[in-house]
Amino acid sequence: MNLTPDITIVLCTFNRAEWLPGVIASLKDQHTEGAFSYGLVIVDNASIDNTPQVAESEIANANLPMRYVREETPGVSAARNRGIQEAQGEWIAFCDDDQLADPRWLIELFELAQRKQCRVVGGAVHLVRANSNVDDLALEDGSDQRLSSYLEDLLAPGGRSKTVQRFSRRDALNSGNQMVHRTVFEQIGVYNEGCR
C-alpha cells in the first residue's frame, strides 16, 4: 500500500510567457528523496501573450506530469481556485509566475507538514533584484540593498526568517509559497474571488 501523497503544484500565470520557462525549470527539478510524487498544473489566467504556446512547449518536453488549463475569470483568486479544482494530489502547492523555486522547496514543505502535523505550511520568500535581461531570468546575487520594511512585508510576508514559526495575522503566509492539504479547502472553502 502506497502511503506517499501526491503533490500538485499550481502555477498561476498572467502575461509572463517570457518568464515561464525559467519558473517551470525550477519546478521540474524538485528533490523528492522518494517521499512523494508530484505534478504541475499551469493555470493561464486569460493571458493575451504567447503563454499557451510556451506552456504547450514546456509540457511537450516535460519529465513530470504537467497540464495546462485556461481560466477566463480575471484575478489570482479565480486562477488559484481553478488550480484547486484541477489538482489531483492530496496536497496542493502554490508557486507564482514571478518566482523561482529552490530545488528543496517541496521536500522542505512536505517534511515540515509531516513533522508539525499541520495541513498548511509555507516558506520564506527571498526578494532579489531582477536583472535587465528577463529572457534568461538572470538574477543579481549578493546585493545587499534592502527594500523598505513596508515593501518587504507587502511583497514577502513571512520575510526572510530562517526559523520555523507560526504564521499570524501580522506574519501572513505568502500565497505564492505554500502547500495546503486538500481537506482544508473542503472544510473552509476556496479563495474569495471578490478579492483580487
Protein backbone atom coordinates (compact mmCIF):
# COMPACT_ATOMS: atom_id res chain seq x y z
CA MET A 1 0.00 0.00 0.00
CA ASN A 2 1.43 3.36 -1.05
CA LEU A 3 1.03 5.94 1.72
CA THR A 4 3.08 8.52 -0.17
CA PRO A 5 0.90 11.54 -1.02
CA ASP A 6 0.90 13.12 -4.43
CA ILE A 7 1.50 16.86 -4.54
CA THR A 8 0.10 19.03 -7.31
CA ILE A 9 1.93 22.29 -7.88
CA VAL A 10 -0.41 25.01 -9.12
CA LEU A 11 1.39 27.67 -11.14
CA CYS A 12 -0.90 30.62 -11.87
CA THR A 13 0.26 32.92 -14.63
CA PHE A 14 -0.83 36.04 -16.48
CA ASN A 15 1.12 37.51 -19.41
CA ARG A 16 4.51 36.23 -18.27
CA ALA A 17 5.32 33.94 -21.18
CA GLU A 18 8.94 35.07 -21.21
CA TRP A 19 9.39 34.05 -17.57
CA LEU A 20 7.57 30.70 -17.71
CA PRO A 21 10.46 28.52 -18.95
CA GLY A 22 12.67 29.57 -16.04
CA VAL A 23 9.92 29.16 -13.45
CA ILE A 24 8.91 25.76 -14.83
CA ALA A 25 12.55 24.62 -14.97
CA SER A 26 12.85 25.35 -11.24
CA LEU A 27 9.69 23.31 -10.58
CA LYS A 28 10.69 20.35 -12.78
CA ASP A 29 13.83 19.78 -10.76
CA GLN A 30 12.45 19.33 -7.25
CA HIS A 31 14.16 16.92 -4.86
CA THR A 32 11.67 14.38 -3.50
CA GLU A 33 14.03 11.92 -1.80
CA GLY A 34 11.45 9.27 -2.70
CA ALA A 35 8.94 10.68 -0.20
CA PHE A 36 6.28 11.71 -2.75
CA SER A 37 5.49 12.17 -6.39
CA TYR A 38 4.36 15.46 -7.85
CA GLY A 39 2.94 17.07 -10.95
CA LEU A 40 2.29 20.57 -12.24
CA VAL A 41 -0.85 22.37 -13.38
CA ILE A 42 -0.26 25.64 -15.24
CA VAL A 43 -3.28 27.91 -14.88
CA ASP A 44 -3.30 30.62 -17.51
CA ASN A 45 -5.44 33.48 -16.22
CA ALA A 46 -6.58 34.69 -19.69
CA SER A 47 -3.16 35.83 -20.89
CA ILE A 48 -3.02 37.72 -24.16
CA ASP A 49 0.65 36.97 -24.88
CA ASN A 50 2.00 33.62 -26.09
CA THR A 51 1.61 31.87 -22.73
CA PRO A 52 -0.42 28.98 -24.24
CA GLN A 53 2.31 28.19 -26.78
CA VAL A 54 5.09 28.42 -24.20
CA ALA A 55 3.16 26.18 -21.80
CA GLU A 56 2.47 23.59 -24.50
CA SER A 57 6.16 23.57 -25.47
CA GLU A 58 7.18 23.04 -21.85
CA ILE A 59 4.65 20.23 -21.47
CA ALA A 60 5.95 18.51 -24.60
CA ASN A 61 9.46 18.45 -23.09
CA ALA A 62 8.43 17.64 -19.51
CA ASN A 63 9.91 14.91 -17.36
CA LEU A 64 6.96 15.03 -14.97
CA PRO A 65 3.16 15.10 -15.32
CA MET A 66 2.14 18.58 -16.47
CA ARG A 67 -1.14 20.05 -17.70
CA TYR A 68 -2.23 23.43 -18.99
CA VAL A 69 -5.66 24.96 -18.31
CA ARG A 70 -7.06 28.38 -19.09
CA GLU A 71 -9.16 30.34 -16.61
CA GLU A 72 -11.08 33.22 -18.17
CA THR A 73 -12.29 34.80 -14.91
CA PRO A 74 -9.74 37.52 -14.11
CA GLY A 75 -7.83 37.56 -10.84
CA VAL A 76 -5.41 35.35 -8.98
CA SER A 77 -8.14 34.03 -6.66
CA ALA A 78 -10.07 32.64 -9.65
CA ALA A 79 -6.84 31.19 -11.04
CA ARG A 80 -5.95 29.51 -7.72
CA ASN A 81 -9.48 28.13 -7.42
CA ARG A 82 -9.22 26.65 -10.91
CA GLY A 83 -5.90 25.12 -9.88
CA ILE A 84 -7.51 23.57 -6.80
CA GLN A 85 -10.28 22.16 -8.99
CA GLU A 86 -7.74 20.69 -11.43
CA ALA A 87 -5.32 19.38 -8.78
CA GLN A 88 -5.18 15.63 -8.32
CA GLY A 89 -2.90 15.39 -5.33
CA GLU A 90 -3.64 15.11 -1.65
CA TRP A 91 -1.52 18.24 -1.19
CA ILE A 92 -1.68 21.38 -3.31
CA ALA A 93 1.39 23.63 -3.52
CA PHE A 94 1.26 27.12 -4.99
CA CYS A 95 4.01 28.94 -6.86
CA ASP A 96 3.67 32.25 -8.68
CA ASP A 97 4.93 33.10 -12.15
CA ASP A 98 7.47 35.60 -10.85
CA GLN A 99 9.20 33.13 -8.52
CA LEU A 100 11.94 30.56 -8.82
CA ALA A 101 11.69 27.51 -6.56
CA ASP A 102 14.71 26.24 -4.69
CA PRO A 103 15.36 22.56 -5.56
CA ARG A 104 14.45 21.60 -1.97
CA TRP A 105 11.27 23.71 -1.88
CA LEU A 106 8.73 20.86 -1.97
CA ILE A 107 10.66 18.43 0.23
CA GLU A 108 11.08 21.09 2.91
CA LEU A 109 7.37 21.98 2.85
CA PHE A 110 6.43 18.30 2.91
CA GLU A 111 8.82 17.44 5.76
CA LEU A 112 7.63 20.43 7.79
CA ALA A 113 3.98 19.41 7.36
CA GLN A 114 4.83 15.88 8.48
CA ARG A 115 6.98 16.98 11.42
CA LYS A 116 4.49 19.56 12.72
CA GLN A 117 1.41 17.53 11.76
CA CYS A 118 -0.23 20.52 10.12
CA ARG A 119 -2.28 20.98 6.97
CA VAL A 120 -0.93 24.36 5.81
CA VAL A 121 2.75 25.21 5.53
CA GLY A 122 4.70 27.92 3.79
CA GLY A 123 8.20 29.19 3.41
CA ALA A 124 10.12 32.40 3.29
CA VAL A 125 10.27 34.39 0.08
CA HIS A 126 13.66 35.89 -0.66
CA LEU A 127 13.45 39.01 -2.76
CA VAL A 128 16.13 39.67 -5.33
CA ARG A 129 16.54 42.48 -7.80
CA ALA A 130 15.84 41.21 -11.29
CA ASN A 131 18.49 41.74 -13.91
CA SER A 132 17.52 43.68 -17.00
CA ASN A 133 17.87 40.51 -19.11
CA VAL A 134 14.46 38.98 -18.39
CA ASP A 135 14.83 36.35 -21.13
CA ASP A 136 17.15 34.18 -19.07
CA LEU A 137 15.82 35.20 -15.64
CA ALA A 138 19.34 36.07 -14.54
CA LEU A 139 19.27 37.42 -11.02
CA GLU A 140 21.76 39.55 -9.19
CA ASP A 141 23.03 37.60 -6.21
CA GLY A 142 24.74 39.17 -3.27
CA SER A 143 23.01 42.52 -3.49
CA ASP A 144 22.74 43.94 -0.01
CA GLN A 145 20.38 46.71 -0.96
CA ARG A 146 17.23 46.22 1.14
CA LEU A 147 13.70 47.28 0.35
CA SER A 148 11.79 49.37 2.83
CA SER A 149 10.22 47.26 5.58
CA TYR A 150 6.76 48.20 4.23
CA LEU A 151 7.56 46.88 0.74
CA GLU A 152 9.25 43.77 2.10
CA ASP A 153 6.21 42.98 4.27
CA LEU A 154 3.92 43.55 1.29
CA LEU A 155 5.94 41.53 -1.23
CA ALA A 156 7.26 38.79 1.04
CA PRO A 157 5.00 38.13 4.02
CA GLY A 158 6.87 35.84 6.35
CA GLY A 159 10.02 37.59 5.22
CA ARG A 160 13.48 36.14 5.40
CA SER A 161 13.10 34.11 8.58
CA LYS A 162 15.38 31.09 8.76
CA THR A 163 13.50 29.58 11.69
CA VAL A 164 10.21 27.71 11.82
CA GLN A 165 7.44 29.92 13.14
CA ARG A 166 3.68 30.02 13.30
CA PHE A 167 2.09 32.43 10.91
CA SER A 168 -0.19 35.04 12.41
CA ARG A 169 -2.30 37.90 11.13
CA ARG A 170 0.82 40.05 11.23
CA ASP A 171 3.13 37.47 9.63
CA ALA A 172 0.84 36.20 6.90
CA LEU A 173 1.53 33.15 4.80
CA ASN A 174 2.74 34.06 1.32
CA SER A 175 0.24 32.59 -1.13
CA GLY A 176 2.98 32.03 -3.71
CA ASN A 177 4.95 29.75 -1.41
CA GLN A 178 2.59 27.47 0.41
CA MET A 179 1.36 23.89 0.50
CA VAL A 180 -2.18 23.11 1.63
CA HIS A 181 -3.82 19.77 2.31
CA ARG A 182 -6.91 19.27 0.15
CA THR A 183 -9.10 18.83 3.26
CA VAL A 184 -8.53 22.48 4.22
CA PHE A 185 -10.37 23.65 1.11
CA GLU A 186 -13.09 21.04 1.67
CA GLN A 187 -13.53 22.30 5.23
CA ILE A 188 -13.36 26.09 4.85
CA GLY A 189 -13.83 26.70 1.13
CA VAL A 190 -11.61 28.16 -1.54
CA TYR A 191 -10.24 31.63 -2.26
CA ASN A 192 -12.66 34.56 -2.27
CA GLU A 193 -12.87 35.66 -5.88
CA GLY A 194 -14.16 39.08 -4.82
CA CYS A 195 -10.61 39.78 -3.57
CA ARG A 196 -8.14 40.20 -6.40
